[in-house]
N, C-alpha and C. Protein backbone atom coordinates (compact mmCIF):
# COMPACT_ATOMS: atom_id res chain seq x y z
N MET A 1 4.68 -8.38 7.89
CA MET A 1 4.05 -7.40 8.73
C MET A 1 2.73 -6.96 8.12
N HIS A 2 2.03 -7.85 7.53
CA HIS A 2 0.77 -7.54 6.90
C HIS A 2 -0.28 -7.25 7.96
N GLY A 3 -1.18 -6.30 7.65
CA GLY A 3 -2.27 -6.02 8.55
C GLY A 3 -1.93 -5.11 9.70
N ARG A 4 -0.72 -4.65 9.79
CA ARG A 4 -0.33 -3.77 10.88
C ARG A 4 -0.13 -2.37 10.34
N ASN A 5 -0.49 -1.40 11.15
CA ASN A 5 -0.33 -0.01 10.75
C ASN A 5 0.96 0.52 11.35
N HIS A 6 1.91 0.88 10.48
CA HIS A 6 3.21 1.34 10.96
C HIS A 6 3.35 2.85 10.90
N ARG A 7 2.22 3.54 10.82
CA ARG A 7 2.27 4.99 10.84
C ARG A 7 2.41 5.44 12.28
N THR A 8 3.20 6.45 12.46
CA THR A 8 3.40 6.97 13.80
C THR A 8 3.55 8.47 13.73
N SER A 9 3.18 9.12 14.81
CA SER A 9 3.32 10.58 14.84
C SER A 9 4.41 11.00 15.82
N HIS A 10 5.06 10.05 16.47
CA HIS A 10 6.11 10.39 17.44
C HIS A 10 7.47 9.99 16.88
N PRO A 11 8.42 10.91 16.87
CA PRO A 11 9.73 10.62 16.28
C PRO A 11 10.46 9.43 16.90
N VAL A 12 10.37 9.22 18.20
CA VAL A 12 11.07 8.09 18.83
C VAL A 12 10.46 6.77 18.35
N ASN A 13 9.14 6.69 18.26
CA ASN A 13 8.52 5.48 17.73
C ASN A 13 8.91 5.25 16.28
N LEU A 14 9.04 6.32 15.54
CA LEU A 14 9.47 6.23 14.16
C LEU A 14 10.88 5.63 14.07
N MET A 15 11.78 6.09 14.91
CA MET A 15 13.14 5.56 14.91
C MET A 15 13.17 4.10 15.35
N LEU A 16 12.34 3.74 16.32
CA LEU A 16 12.26 2.34 16.74
C LEU A 16 11.74 1.46 15.59
N ASN A 17 10.70 1.93 14.90
CA ASN A 17 10.17 1.17 13.77
C ASN A 17 11.25 0.97 12.70
N TYR A 18 12.00 2.01 12.43
CA TYR A 18 13.07 1.92 11.43
C TYR A 18 14.13 0.91 11.88
N ALA A 19 14.53 0.99 13.14
CA ALA A 19 15.54 0.06 13.67
C ALA A 19 15.04 -1.38 13.64
N TYR A 20 13.76 -1.60 13.95
CA TYR A 20 13.20 -2.95 13.89
C TYR A 20 13.17 -3.47 12.46
N ALA A 21 12.92 -2.59 11.50
CA ALA A 21 12.92 -3.00 10.09
C ALA A 21 14.32 -3.42 9.66
N VAL A 22 15.33 -2.71 10.13
CA VAL A 22 16.72 -3.08 9.83
C VAL A 22 17.03 -4.44 10.47
N LEU A 23 16.64 -4.61 11.73
CA LEU A 23 16.85 -5.89 12.41
C LEU A 23 16.13 -7.01 11.67
N GLU A 24 14.89 -6.78 11.27
CA GLU A 24 14.14 -7.80 10.55
C GLU A 24 14.84 -8.20 9.26
N SER A 25 15.35 -7.24 8.52
CA SER A 25 16.02 -7.59 7.26
C SER A 25 17.29 -8.40 7.53
N GLN A 26 18.02 -8.08 8.59
CA GLN A 26 19.23 -8.84 8.92
C GLN A 26 18.88 -10.27 9.33
N VAL A 27 17.82 -10.41 10.12
CA VAL A 27 17.40 -11.75 10.56
C VAL A 27 16.85 -12.54 9.38
N ARG A 28 16.12 -11.89 8.48
CA ARG A 28 15.61 -12.58 7.29
C ARG A 28 16.76 -13.13 6.45
N ILE A 29 17.79 -12.34 6.25
CA ILE A 29 18.94 -12.78 5.45
C ILE A 29 19.63 -13.96 6.12
N ALA A 30 19.87 -13.86 7.43
CA ALA A 30 20.53 -14.95 8.15
C ALA A 30 19.67 -16.20 8.16
N THR A 31 18.37 -16.03 8.32
CA THR A 31 17.46 -17.18 8.36
C THR A 31 17.39 -17.86 7.00
N ALA A 32 17.36 -17.06 5.94
CA ALA A 32 17.29 -17.64 4.59
C ALA A 32 18.51 -18.50 4.29
N ALA A 33 19.64 -18.10 4.85
CA ALA A 33 20.87 -18.86 4.63
C ALA A 33 20.92 -20.15 5.44
N GLU A 34 20.21 -20.20 6.55
CA GLU A 34 20.33 -21.34 7.47
C GLU A 34 19.08 -22.20 7.61
N SER A 35 17.91 -21.68 7.28
CA SER A 35 16.67 -22.40 7.54
C SER A 35 15.94 -22.70 6.24
N PRO A 36 15.53 -23.94 6.05
CA PRO A 36 14.79 -24.26 4.84
C PRO A 36 13.37 -23.66 4.83
N ASP A 37 12.81 -23.38 6.00
CA ASP A 37 11.44 -22.85 6.07
C ASP A 37 11.32 -21.87 7.22
N SER A 38 11.33 -20.59 6.90
CA SER A 38 11.26 -19.57 7.96
C SER A 38 9.83 -19.29 8.40
N THR A 39 8.85 -20.01 7.84
CA THR A 39 7.46 -19.83 8.30
C THR A 39 7.16 -20.67 9.53
N ILE A 40 8.07 -21.56 9.88
CA ILE A 40 7.86 -22.40 11.06
C ILE A 40 8.46 -21.69 12.27
N GLY A 41 7.59 -21.25 13.17
CA GLY A 41 8.03 -20.55 14.36
C GLY A 41 7.88 -21.41 15.59
N TYR A 42 8.51 -20.96 16.65
CA TYR A 42 8.42 -21.68 17.92
C TYR A 42 7.54 -20.93 18.91
N LEU A 43 7.54 -19.62 18.83
CA LEU A 43 6.77 -18.79 19.73
C LEU A 43 5.50 -18.24 19.08
N ARG A 44 5.53 -18.09 17.79
CA ARG A 44 4.42 -17.50 17.05
C ARG A 44 3.71 -18.55 16.21
N THR A 45 2.45 -18.28 15.94
CA THR A 45 1.64 -19.18 15.14
C THR A 45 2.15 -19.22 13.70
N CYS A 46 2.22 -20.40 13.17
CA CYS A 46 2.63 -20.57 11.78
C CYS A 46 1.43 -20.30 10.87
N ARG A 47 1.61 -19.37 9.95
CA ARG A 47 0.57 -19.05 8.97
C ARG A 47 1.25 -18.94 7.61
N PRO A 48 0.53 -19.27 6.55
CA PRO A 48 1.12 -19.14 5.22
C PRO A 48 1.57 -17.70 4.95
N GLY A 49 2.79 -17.56 4.47
CA GLY A 49 3.33 -16.25 4.14
C GLY A 49 3.90 -15.47 5.31
N ARG A 50 3.72 -15.94 6.53
CA ARG A 50 4.25 -15.25 7.71
C ARG A 50 5.57 -15.90 8.11
N VAL A 51 6.60 -15.10 8.24
CA VAL A 51 7.91 -15.63 8.60
C VAL A 51 8.04 -15.66 10.13
N ALA A 52 7.32 -16.58 10.73
CA ALA A 52 7.25 -16.67 12.19
C ALA A 52 8.62 -16.86 12.82
N LEU A 53 9.48 -17.64 12.18
CA LEU A 53 10.82 -17.88 12.73
C LEU A 53 11.61 -16.57 12.80
N VAL A 54 11.49 -15.73 11.78
CA VAL A 54 12.19 -14.45 11.78
C VAL A 54 11.73 -13.60 12.97
N PHE A 55 10.42 -13.53 13.18
CA PHE A 55 9.90 -12.73 14.29
C PHE A 55 10.30 -13.33 15.65
N ASP A 56 10.33 -14.66 15.73
CA ASP A 56 10.81 -15.32 16.96
C ASP A 56 12.26 -14.93 17.25
N LEU A 57 13.10 -14.99 16.22
CA LEU A 57 14.52 -14.69 16.41
C LEU A 57 14.79 -13.21 16.68
N MET A 58 13.87 -12.36 16.30
CA MET A 58 14.03 -10.92 16.56
C MET A 58 13.81 -10.57 18.03
N ASP A 59 13.14 -11.42 18.78
CA ASP A 59 12.83 -11.11 20.18
C ASP A 59 14.07 -10.94 21.05
N SER A 60 15.07 -11.76 20.82
CA SER A 60 16.27 -11.71 21.66
C SER A 60 17.06 -10.40 21.50
N PRO A 61 17.34 -9.93 20.29
CA PRO A 61 18.09 -8.67 20.17
C PRO A 61 17.24 -7.40 20.31
N ARG A 62 15.93 -7.52 20.41
CA ARG A 62 15.05 -6.35 20.48
C ARG A 62 15.40 -5.41 21.64
N PRO A 63 15.70 -5.89 22.85
CA PRO A 63 16.08 -4.96 23.93
C PRO A 63 17.35 -4.17 23.61
N LYS A 64 18.30 -4.79 22.90
CA LYS A 64 19.51 -4.06 22.52
C LYS A 64 19.18 -2.98 21.51
N VAL A 65 18.29 -3.27 20.58
CA VAL A 65 17.85 -2.27 19.60
C VAL A 65 17.19 -1.10 20.33
N ASN A 66 16.32 -1.42 21.28
CA ASN A 66 15.67 -0.37 22.08
C ASN A 66 16.71 0.50 22.76
N TRP A 67 17.69 -0.14 23.39
CA TRP A 67 18.74 0.58 24.11
C TRP A 67 19.53 1.49 23.16
N LEU A 68 19.89 0.97 21.99
CA LEU A 68 20.64 1.77 21.02
C LEU A 68 19.85 3.00 20.56
N VAL A 69 18.58 2.81 20.28
CA VAL A 69 17.75 3.94 19.84
C VAL A 69 17.59 4.96 20.96
N ILE A 70 17.30 4.50 22.16
CA ILE A 70 17.12 5.42 23.30
C ILE A 70 18.41 6.19 23.57
N ASN A 71 19.54 5.52 23.54
CA ASN A 71 20.82 6.22 23.74
C ASN A 71 21.09 7.22 22.63
N TYR A 72 20.74 6.87 21.41
CA TYR A 72 20.91 7.80 20.30
C TYR A 72 20.04 9.04 20.51
N VAL A 73 18.81 8.82 20.91
CA VAL A 73 17.88 9.94 21.15
C VAL A 73 18.41 10.84 22.26
N ARG A 74 18.92 10.22 23.31
CA ARG A 74 19.41 11.00 24.45
C ARG A 74 20.69 11.78 24.13
N SER A 75 21.50 11.27 23.22
CA SER A 75 22.79 11.89 22.97
C SER A 75 22.83 12.78 21.71
N HIS A 76 21.77 12.78 20.95
CA HIS A 76 21.75 13.52 19.69
C HIS A 76 20.89 14.77 19.81
N ARG A 77 21.34 15.83 19.24
CA ARG A 77 20.54 17.06 19.20
C ARG A 77 19.82 17.10 17.85
N PHE A 78 18.52 16.98 17.91
CA PHE A 78 17.71 16.95 16.70
C PHE A 78 17.32 18.34 16.26
N ARG A 79 17.11 18.45 14.94
CA ARG A 79 16.63 19.69 14.35
C ARG A 79 15.26 19.40 13.72
N PRO A 80 14.44 20.41 13.56
CA PRO A 80 13.15 20.17 12.90
C PRO A 80 13.30 19.55 11.50
N SER A 81 14.39 19.85 10.83
CA SER A 81 14.60 19.30 9.48
C SER A 81 14.93 17.80 9.49
N ASP A 82 15.15 17.22 10.67
CA ASP A 82 15.42 15.78 10.76
C ASP A 82 14.17 14.94 10.53
N PHE A 83 13.01 15.58 10.61
CA PHE A 83 11.74 14.87 10.48
C PHE A 83 10.84 15.62 9.51
N VAL A 84 10.00 14.86 8.85
CA VAL A 84 9.02 15.44 7.94
C VAL A 84 7.65 15.06 8.49
N LEU A 85 6.82 16.06 8.74
CA LEU A 85 5.48 15.83 9.28
C LEU A 85 4.47 16.12 8.18
N SER A 86 3.66 15.10 7.86
CA SER A 86 2.66 15.28 6.81
C SER A 86 1.47 16.05 7.34
N HIS A 87 0.59 16.47 6.43
CA HIS A 87 -0.61 17.19 6.82
C HIS A 87 -1.53 16.34 7.69
N SER A 88 -1.44 15.02 7.53
CA SER A 88 -2.29 14.12 8.32
C SER A 88 -1.65 13.74 9.66
N GLY A 89 -0.48 14.32 9.97
CA GLY A 89 0.16 14.08 11.27
C GLY A 89 1.13 12.92 11.29
N ILE A 90 1.42 12.34 10.14
CA ILE A 90 2.35 11.21 10.08
C ILE A 90 3.78 11.75 10.01
N CYS A 91 4.62 11.23 10.88
CA CYS A 91 6.01 11.66 10.96
C CYS A 91 6.89 10.68 10.20
N LYS A 92 7.83 11.22 9.42
CA LYS A 92 8.78 10.38 8.67
C LYS A 92 10.19 10.89 8.95
N LEU A 93 11.14 9.97 8.88
CA LEU A 93 12.54 10.35 9.02
C LEU A 93 12.99 11.06 7.75
N SER A 94 13.71 12.11 7.93
CA SER A 94 14.29 12.81 6.79
C SER A 94 15.44 11.97 6.25
N PRO A 95 15.67 11.97 4.93
CA PRO A 95 16.74 11.12 4.36
C PRO A 95 18.12 11.36 4.98
N GLN A 96 18.45 12.58 5.38
CA GLN A 96 19.78 12.82 5.96
C GLN A 96 19.93 12.19 7.36
N LEU A 97 18.81 11.91 8.05
CA LEU A 97 18.89 11.29 9.37
C LEU A 97 19.10 9.79 9.25
N VAL A 98 18.59 9.20 8.20
CA VAL A 98 18.72 7.76 7.99
C VAL A 98 20.11 7.51 7.54
């Protein structure tokens, strides 16, 4: 995920980013066990150091991740202490929420 800015000021986007990071780590582990070269993608351009196959494989479960996060947001009562807002406006998940 080089070159991308993952800072967000909205709590729902923050939770989505966190969920995508968890998904990415799971797909990376599964891919490492099964694929000799995870830089070879089918949908994304192959570049040195970019795990295109991992990002390709993340596309299929991404709608389920979205659904899980949205349902969590709708069913959970949040408190201000669930999030930490920096002086520059960057929102982070509080450790007890993760």
